[in-house]
Amino acid sequence: MELMARKVGFDAIAISLSLDSITASVRHSRKLITVMRVIGPPGINASRIGELEELARSGERCTTSRDIAARLAEIGSTPPLYSSTQIAGAIGLASGGLAFLNGAGAPEVIAAATGGAMGQCLRLWLSHRQLNQYGTAALSAMLAAGVYVLAATLANSVGVEFTRYPAGFIASVLFLVPGFPLIAALFDLLHYQTVAALSRFAYGVMILLAVAFGLSLVIEIADVDLSRQPPIELVYPLKLVLRATASFVAGCGFAISFNSTTRTVLAAGFFALGANDLRLVLTDMGLMLAPAAFLGALATGLVALVADRHFKVPPMATTVAPIVIMIPGLYAFEMIVLLNRGQVLEALQAAALFGFVIGALAMGLAVARLFSR
């Protein structure tokens, strides 16, 4: 908006953001006008972000307000790049990848992928009917976790044992973690957009509580034991390869759900592969979770800036998916479930870890932006 305001002749522009509105005050020849636009429900559309950034860069082709309005209408009317079935399948693969990254074995990975895909199907179906987002999140979490429990029950009945049940169970609903609003809220604070930061943070917390509510119902009904279990043991070189593959698949899956172009999907997958493997290797070497997350996010941000400079791939579109898979959603859900069970000290420990890692991810991306214009 600042770039386009200068190109059409305004002397200055001031922008105030919130979760559901944008207010802009512009000045031209000592005249001041303020306008407000109410926007729709929150969502992520990486393809649209890229097209808007390209519009701001190529102002020569849009030099009048009429040209800009026509181009904006064209961008806004562009249909989604993927069908609901494709998005649900991508989220299923991402959920399976996250299950493996959390230490699950093959049966748990398959069940988590099935639960994630079914939960995303319900989420899209309810969203298209404009149901309340918090209710949609809770119902999607119930279905995803319920499908996982059902798959585990059926597998146990035929002799397939789920030895690492909690890792896959939590991974089946990790696609519902509002990672982008929480990271964006911290970015808003860095840009002095306090109202936007507080509204996005409140929205993210409410979504998290809604998901935890649906998950807690399944935990109580199915009597799920969430006791921590050691991850599956593998030869370390093989473990590195499998973790890299899982990171790539999860990154691509989330990028597809964010409506990214094919080139951006592949870029996000490779960024996730490198950054998440770096983070995991550092934690294997004994580094704490927050510093490892900071370095992983910093690497993601720096590589995204290089890709933007040389290949014109929007940094926002390529950094969201890799950052999302590094968000410790496991600790967020543990925090709420443990509080619900009265285990306050354990819940506070999980909350502290979650908060420190979220902050470290945002700081890593913020430091990377210091190297941009």
Protein backbone atom coordinates (compact mmCIF):
# COMPACT_ATOMS: atom_id res chain seq x y z
CA MET A 1 0.00 0.00 0.00
CA GLU A 2 2.86 2.39 0.76
CA LEU A 3 4.53 1.67 -2.60
CA MET A 4 1.33 2.11 -4.58
CA ALA A 5 0.37 5.29 -2.72
CA ARG A 6 3.61 6.94 -3.78
CA LYS A 7 3.21 5.80 -7.38
CA VAL A 8 -0.25 7.34 -7.74
CA GLY A 9 0.88 10.68 -6.29
CA PHE A 10 -0.03 10.71 -2.58
CA ASP A 11 2.36 12.64 -0.35
CA ALA A 12 2.06 10.31 2.67
CA ILE A 13 0.05 7.35 3.93
CA ALA A 14 -0.53 5.96 7.43
CA ILE A 15 -1.96 2.45 7.83
CA SER A 16 -3.60 0.87 10.86
CA LEU A 17 -4.40 -2.85 10.82
CA SER A 18 -6.56 -5.17 12.86
CA LEU A 19 -7.69 -8.74 12.32
CA ASP A 20 -10.87 -7.76 10.45
CA SER A 21 -10.26 -4.23 9.15
CA ILE A 22 -7.76 -1.89 7.51
CA THR A 23 -7.73 1.88 8.10
CA ALA A 24 -5.66 4.14 5.84
CA SER A 25 -5.11 7.90 6.05
CA VAL A 26 -3.60 9.55 2.97
CA ARG A 27 -2.43 13.13 2.35
CA HIS A 28 -2.24 14.94 -0.98
CA SER A 29 -1.76 18.69 -1.51
CA ARG A 30 -2.57 19.46 2.14
CA LYS A 31 -5.80 17.47 1.91
CA LEU A 32 -6.28 14.50 4.24
CA ILE A 33 -8.74 11.63 3.87
CA THR A 34 -9.23 8.54 6.03
CA VAL A 35 -10.97 5.37 4.81
CA MET A 36 -11.67 2.03 6.48
CA ARG A 37 -12.26 -1.32 4.83
CA VAL A 38 -13.76 -4.30 6.65
CA ILE A 39 -12.21 -7.56 5.44
CA GLY A 40 -13.41 -11.16 5.53
CA PRO A 41 -12.49 -14.06 7.82
CA PRO A 42 -8.75 -14.65 8.34
CA GLY A 43 -7.00 -16.92 5.87
CA ILE A 44 -3.71 -17.43 4.04
CA ASN A 45 -3.40 -17.16 0.27
CA ALA A 46 0.27 -17.22 -0.69
CA SER A 47 -0.46 -16.96 -4.41
CA ARG A 48 -2.40 -13.74 -3.87
CA ILE A 49 0.41 -12.35 -1.69
CA GLY A 50 2.84 -12.98 -4.53
CA GLU A 51 0.61 -11.31 -7.11
CA LEU A 52 0.13 -8.25 -4.89
CA GLU A 53 3.87 -7.91 -4.35
CA GLU A 54 4.44 -8.19 -8.08
CA LEU A 55 1.82 -5.49 -8.66
CA ALA A 56 3.62 -3.18 -6.24
CA ARG A 57 6.96 -3.81 -7.95
CA SER A 58 5.72 -3.29 -11.50
CA GLY A 59 4.06 0.08 -11.06
CA GLU A 60 4.87 1.17 -14.60
CA ARG A 61 1.98 -0.90 -15.92
CA CYS A 62 -0.45 0.43 -13.29
CA THR A 63 0.04 4.17 -12.93
CA THR A 64 -3.54 5.30 -12.34
CA SER A 65 -6.06 4.37 -9.70
CA ARG A 66 -8.31 2.89 -12.39
CA ASP A 67 -5.51 0.56 -13.57
CA ILE A 68 -4.76 -0.48 -10.00
CA ALA A 69 -8.43 -1.15 -9.23
CA ALA A 70 -8.78 -3.27 -12.36
CA ARG A 71 -5.69 -5.30 -11.50
CA LEU A 72 -6.84 -5.78 -7.89
CA ALA A 73 -10.22 -7.01 -9.11
CA GLU A 74 -8.45 -9.47 -11.40
CA ILE A 75 -6.29 -10.77 -8.54
CA GLY A 76 -9.26 -11.05 -6.21
CA SER A 77 -11.29 -13.08 -8.71
CA THR A 78 -8.54 -15.65 -9.37
CA PRO A 79 -9.85 -19.12 -8.40
CA PRO A 80 -7.89 -21.37 -5.99
CA LEU A 81 -5.02 -23.33 -7.51
CA TYR A 82 -6.00 -26.61 -5.84
CA SER A 83 -9.22 -28.51 -5.22
CA SER A 84 -10.46 -29.44 -1.75
CA THR A 85 -9.41 -33.05 -2.36
CA GLN A 86 -5.87 -32.02 -3.24
CA ILE A 87 -5.60 -29.80 -0.18
CA ALA A 88 -6.94 -32.54 2.11
CA GLY A 89 -4.45 -35.02 0.65
CA ALA A 90 -1.61 -32.54 1.13
CA ILE A 91 -2.58 -31.98 4.77
CA GLY A 92 -2.76 -35.74 5.26
CA LEU A 93 0.81 -36.14 4.00
CA ALA A 94 1.92 -33.20 6.16
CA SER A 95 0.31 -34.77 9.24
CA GLY A 96 2.08 -38.05 8.54
CA GLY A 97 5.38 -36.21 8.16
CA LEU A 98 4.86 -34.38 11.45
CA ALA A 99 4.05 -37.66 13.17
CA PHE A 100 7.39 -39.10 12.09
CA LEU A 101 9.21 -35.92 13.14
CA ASN A 102 7.61 -36.30 16.59
CA GLY A 103 9.02 -39.82 16.90
CA ALA A 104 6.15 -42.01 15.63
CA GLY A 105 6.49 -45.28 13.75
CA ALA A 106 4.89 -46.41 10.51
CA PRO A 107 1.44 -47.40 11.92
CA GLU A 108 1.10 -44.09 13.76
CA VAL A 109 2.24 -42.14 10.67
CA ILE A 110 -0.43 -43.77 8.51
CA ALA A 111 -3.16 -43.20 11.11
CA ALA A 112 -2.11 -39.56 11.62
CA ALA A 113 -2.15 -38.96 7.86
CA THR A 114 -5.65 -40.44 7.61
CA GLY A 115 -6.93 -38.40 10.55
CA GLY A 116 -5.37 -35.17 9.26
CA ALA A 117 -6.86 -35.63 5.78
CA MET A 118 -10.33 -36.35 7.16
CA GLY A 119 -10.12 -33.42 9.58
CA GLN A 120 -9.09 -31.06 6.78
CA CYS A 121 -11.98 -32.30 4.61
CA LEU A 122 -14.43 -31.39 7.36
CA ARG A 123 -12.68 -28.08 7.96
CA LEU A 124 -12.98 -27.07 4.29
CA TRP A 125 -16.59 -28.24 4.09
CA LEU A 126 -17.60 -26.21 7.14
CA SER A 127 -15.56 -23.17 6.05
CA HIS A 128 -17.23 -23.08 2.64
CA ARG A 129 -20.55 -22.87 4.48
CA GLN A 130 -19.21 -19.92 6.52
CA LEU A 131 -19.63 -21.57 9.89
CA ASN A 132 -17.95 -20.06 12.94
CA GLN A 133 -14.19 -20.63 12.70
CA TYR A 134 -13.81 -21.65 16.33
CA GLY A 135 -16.54 -24.25 16.08
CA THR A 136 -15.04 -25.45 12.81
CA ALA A 137 -11.64 -25.88 14.47
CA ALA A 138 -13.11 -27.82 17.40
CA LEU A 139 -15.15 -30.17 15.20
CA SER A 140 -12.21 -30.74 12.83
CA ALA A 141 -9.98 -31.62 15.78
CA MET A 142 -12.58 -34.07 17.09
CA LEU A 143 -12.86 -35.80 13.72
CA ALA A 144 -9.10 -35.96 13.09
CA ALA A 145 -8.32 -37.31 16.56
CA GLY A 146 -11.35 -39.62 16.48
CA VAL A 147 -10.27 -41.12 13.14
CA TYR A 148 -6.81 -41.71 14.60
CA VAL A 149 -8.26 -43.51 17.65
CA LEU A 150 -10.53 -45.60 15.41
CA ALA A 151 -7.62 -46.53 13.13
CA ALA A 152 -5.51 -47.52 16.13
CA THR A 153 -8.36 -49.63 17.53
CA LEU A 154 -8.88 -51.44 14.23
CA ALA A 155 -5.13 -51.98 13.81
CA ASN A 156 -4.79 -53.43 17.32
CA SER A 157 -7.67 -55.81 16.62
CA VAL A 158 -5.71 -57.35 13.73
CA GLY A 159 -2.43 -57.51 15.63
CA VAL A 160 -0.74 -54.24 14.56
CA GLU A 161 0.45 -52.54 17.75
CA PHE A 162 0.72 -48.77 18.13
CA THR A 163 3.83 -48.49 20.29
CA ARG A 164 4.10 -44.69 20.10
CA TYR A 165 0.46 -43.73 20.32
CA PRO A 166 0.71 -40.14 21.68
CA ALA A 167 3.10 -38.87 18.98
CA GLY A 168 0.75 -39.80 16.14
CA PHE A 169 -2.37 -38.79 18.07
CA ILE A 170 -1.17 -35.21 18.57
CA ALA A 171 0.25 -35.02 15.02
CA SER A 172 -3.18 -35.76 13.56
CA VAL A 173 -4.41 -32.31 14.71
CA LEU A 174 -1.22 -30.25 14.35
CA PHE A 175 -2.45 -28.86 11.02
CA LEU A 176 -4.96 -26.84 13.07
CA VAL A 177 -2.29 -25.04 15.13
CA PRO A 178 -2.63 -21.30 14.27
CA GLY A 179 1.08 -20.83 13.70
CA PHE A 180 0.81 -18.07 11.13
CA PRO A 181 -1.36 -15.71 13.24
CA LEU A 182 0.95 -16.15 16.24
CA ILE A 183 4.10 -15.46 14.20
CA ALA A 184 2.40 -12.56 12.40
CA ALA A 185 1.36 -11.06 15.75
CA LEU A 186 5.00 -10.87 16.83
CA PHE A 187 5.92 -9.29 13.48
CA ASP A 188 3.18 -6.71 13.99
CA LEU A 189 4.70 -5.77 17.34
CA LEU A 190 8.06 -5.24 15.64
CA HIS A 191 6.32 -2.91 13.13
CA TYR A 192 4.48 -0.99 15.92
CA GLN A 193 1.11 -2.38 14.78
CA THR A 194 -0.06 -3.07 18.34
CA VAL A 195 -3.78 -3.35 17.56
CA ALA A 196 -3.12 -5.88 14.80
CA ALA A 197 -0.74 -7.82 17.04
CA LEU A 198 -3.22 -8.09 19.91
CA SER A 199 -6.15 -9.04 17.66
CA ARG A 200 -4.13 -11.68 15.81
CA PHE A 201 -2.75 -13.07 19.03
CA ALA A 202 -6.25 -13.27 20.54
CA TYR A 203 -7.51 -14.99 17.39
CA GLY A 204 -4.65 -17.52 17.49
CA VAL A 205 -5.22 -18.29 21.17
CA MET A 206 -8.95 -18.76 20.63
CA ILE A 207 -8.34 -21.16 17.73
CA LEU A 208 -5.85 -23.06 19.88
CA LEU A 209 -8.36 -23.30 22.73
CA ALA A 210 -11.08 -24.49 20.36
CA VAL A 211 -8.82 -27.20 18.94
CA ALA A 212 -7.75 -28.24 22.44
CA PHE A 213 -11.42 -28.42 23.48
CA GLY A 214 -12.24 -30.84 20.67
CA LEU A 215 -9.08 -32.83 21.35
CA SER A 216 -9.83 -33.02 25.09
CA LEU A 217 -13.25 -34.51 24.41
CA VAL A 218 -11.69 -37.32 22.39
CA ILE A 219 -9.02 -37.84 25.06
CA GLU A 220 -11.63 -38.22 27.80
CA ILE A 221 -14.02 -40.38 25.79
CA ALA A 222 -11.31 -42.72 24.46
CA ASP A 223 -9.20 -42.53 27.65
CA VAL A 224 -6.06 -41.65 25.70
CA ASP A 225 -2.76 -41.88 27.58
CA LEU A 226 -0.49 -38.99 26.57
CA SER A 227 2.57 -40.12 28.51
CA ARG A 228 5.79 -39.28 26.69
CA GLN A 229 7.50 -42.18 24.92
CA PRO A 230 10.98 -42.37 23.40
CA PRO A 231 11.16 -41.83 19.63
CA ILE A 232 11.71 -44.73 17.29
CA GLU A 233 15.33 -45.87 17.20
CA LEU A 234 17.07 -45.74 13.81
CA VAL A 235 20.62 -45.61 12.51
CA TYR A 236 21.50 -41.91 12.58
CA PRO A 237 22.29 -41.46 8.84
CA LEU A 238 18.99 -43.16 7.95
CA LYS A 239 17.24 -41.04 10.57
CA LEU A 240 18.61 -37.87 8.96
CA VAL A 241 17.40 -38.93 5.51
CA LEU A 242 13.93 -39.85 6.76
CA ARG A 243 13.61 -36.64 8.76
CA ALA A 244 14.65 -34.62 5.72
CA THR A 245 12.04 -36.43 3.62
CA ALA A 246 9.35 -35.89 6.26
CA SER A 247 10.25 -32.19 6.52
CA PHE A 248 10.08 -31.78 2.74
CA VAL A 249 6.70 -33.53 2.53
CA ALA A 250 5.27 -31.55 5.45
CA GLY A 251 6.56 -28.25 4.05
CA CYS A 252 5.08 -28.96 0.61
CA GLY A 253 1.80 -30.08 2.17
CA PHE A 254 1.32 -26.88 4.13
CA ALA A 255 2.42 -24.76 1.17
CA ILE A 256 -0.31 -26.37 -0.95
CA SER A 257 -2.89 -25.64 1.77
CA PHE A 258 -1.76 -21.98 1.64
CA ASN A 259 -2.59 -21.90 -2.13
CA SER A 260 1.04 -21.53 -3.24
CA THR A 261 2.14 -21.94 -6.83
CA THR A 262 4.03 -25.10 -7.83
CA ARG A 263 7.37 -23.30 -7.81
CA THR A 264 6.66 -21.86 -4.37
CA VAL A 265 5.54 -25.26 -3.06
CA LEU A 266 8.85 -26.84 -4.08
CA ALA A 267 10.81 -23.91 -2.67
CA ALA A 268 8.96 -24.14 0.65
CA GLY A 269 9.59 -27.90 0.76
CA PHE A 270 13.34 -27.50 0.26
CA PHE A 271 13.48 -24.63 2.77
CA ALA A 272 11.67 -26.82 5.30
CA LEU A 273 14.04 -29.70 4.58
CA GLY A 274 17.14 -27.61 5.25
CA ALA A 275 15.92 -25.46 8.14
CA ASN A 276 14.11 -28.18 10.09
CA ASP A 277 16.94 -30.66 9.67
CA LEU A 278 19.34 -27.99 10.91
CA ARG A 279 17.12 -27.40 13.94
CA LEU A 280 16.83 -31.10 14.72
CA VAL A 281 20.56 -31.75 14.32
CA LEU A 282 21.31 -28.87 16.68
CA THR A 283 18.93 -30.27 19.30
CA ASP A 284 20.54 -33.71 18.86
CA MET A 285 23.86 -32.03 19.66
CA GLY A 286 22.45 -30.71 22.93
CA LEU A 287 21.32 -27.19 21.98
CA MET A 288 18.14 -25.98 23.69
CA LEU A 289 14.90 -25.87 21.71
CA ALA A 290 14.58 -22.07 21.49
CA PRO A 291 18.12 -21.31 20.18
CA ALA A 292 17.82 -24.16 17.67
CA ALA A 293 14.48 -22.79 16.47
CA PHE A 294 16.00 -19.29 16.18
CA LEU A 295 18.83 -20.55 13.97
CA GLY A 296 16.43 -22.59 11.83
CA ALA A 297 14.16 -19.58 11.29
CA LEU A 298 17.14 -17.33 10.59
CA ALA A 299 18.38 -19.74 7.92
CA THR A 300 14.89 -19.88 6.39
CA GLY A 301 14.61 -16.10 6.29
CA LEU A 302 18.04 -15.56 4.73
CA VAL A 303 17.52 -18.18 2.02
CA ALA A 304 14.06 -16.73 1.29
CA LEU A 305 15.61 -13.28 0.74
CA VAL A 306 18.11 -14.76 -1.72
CA ALA A 307 15.32 -16.60 -3.55
CA ASP A 308 13.27 -13.40 -3.73
CA ARG A 309 16.20 -11.41 -5.13
CA HIS A 310 17.19 -13.91 -7.81
CA PHE A 311 13.97 -15.82 -8.59
CA LYS A 312 11.23 -13.33 -7.56
CA VAL A 313 9.65 -15.78 -5.11
CA PRO A 314 7.82 -13.82 -2.34
CA PRO A 315 9.54 -14.39 1.06
CA MET A 316 6.21 -14.52 2.89
CA ALA A 317 5.04 -17.36 0.66
CA THR A 318 8.20 -19.43 1.11
CA THR A 319 8.77 -18.92 4.84
CA VAL A 320 5.30 -19.64 6.23
CA ALA A 321 5.26 -23.41 5.62
CA PRO A 322 8.81 -24.12 6.94
CA ILE A 323 8.10 -22.08 10.06
CA VAL A 324 4.76 -23.81 10.66
CA ILE A 325 6.35 -27.27 10.82
CA MET A 326 8.88 -25.98 13.38
CA ILE A 327 6.15 -24.72 15.72
CA PRO A 328 5.97 -27.06 18.76
CA GLY A 329 2.24 -27.66 18.66
CA LEU A 330 2.78 -30.74 20.82
CA TYR A 331 3.63 -28.51 23.79
CA ALA A 332 0.66 -26.23 23.16
CA PHE A 333 -1.83 -29.09 23.38
CA GLU A 334 0.03 -30.68 26.29
CA MET A 335 -0.25 -27.39 28.16
CA ILE A 336 -4.03 -27.23 27.86
CA VAL A 337 -4.65 -30.93 28.51
CA LEU A 338 -2.38 -30.91 31.56
CA LEU A 339 -4.09 -27.79 32.94
CA ASN A 340 -7.44 -29.52 32.45
CA ARG A 341 -6.14 -32.45 34.50
CA GLY A 342 -4.82 -30.24 37.30
CA GLN A 343 -1.12 -30.86 36.56
CA VAL A 344 -0.19 -27.19 36.83
CA LEU A 345 3.62 -27.44 37.02
CA GLU A 346 3.86 -29.72 33.98
CA ALA A 347 1.46 -27.44 32.09
CA LEU A 348 3.54 -24.35 32.90
CA GLN A 349 6.66 -26.10 31.68
CA ALA A 350 5.00 -26.97 28.37
CA ALA A 351 3.66 -23.40 28.07
CA ALA A 352 7.10 -21.91 28.66
CA LEU A 353 8.69 -24.13 26.01
CA PHE A 354 5.95 -23.30 23.51
CA GLY A 355 6.22 -19.55 24.15
CA PHE A 356 10.01 -19.45 23.95
CA VAL A 357 10.10 -21.40 20.68
CA ILE A 358 7.38 -19.25 19.07
CA GLY A 359 9.29 -16.13 20.08
CA ALA A 360 12.57 -17.59 18.81
CA LEU A 361 11.03 -18.39 15.41
CA ALA A 362 9.70 -14.85 15.07
CA MET A 363 13.02 -13.34 16.15
CA GLY A 364 14.90 -15.50 13.64
CA LEU A 365 12.73 -14.23 10.78
CA ALA A 366 12.97 -10.66 12.08
CA VAL A 367 16.77 -10.77 12.21
CA ALA A 368 16.83 -12.13 8.66
CA ARG A 369 14.80 -9.11 7.52
CA LEU A 370 17.56 -6.80 8.75
CA PHE A 371 19.48 -7.90 5.66
CA SER A 372 16.69 -6.77 3.31
CA ARG A 373 15.89 -3.25 2.18
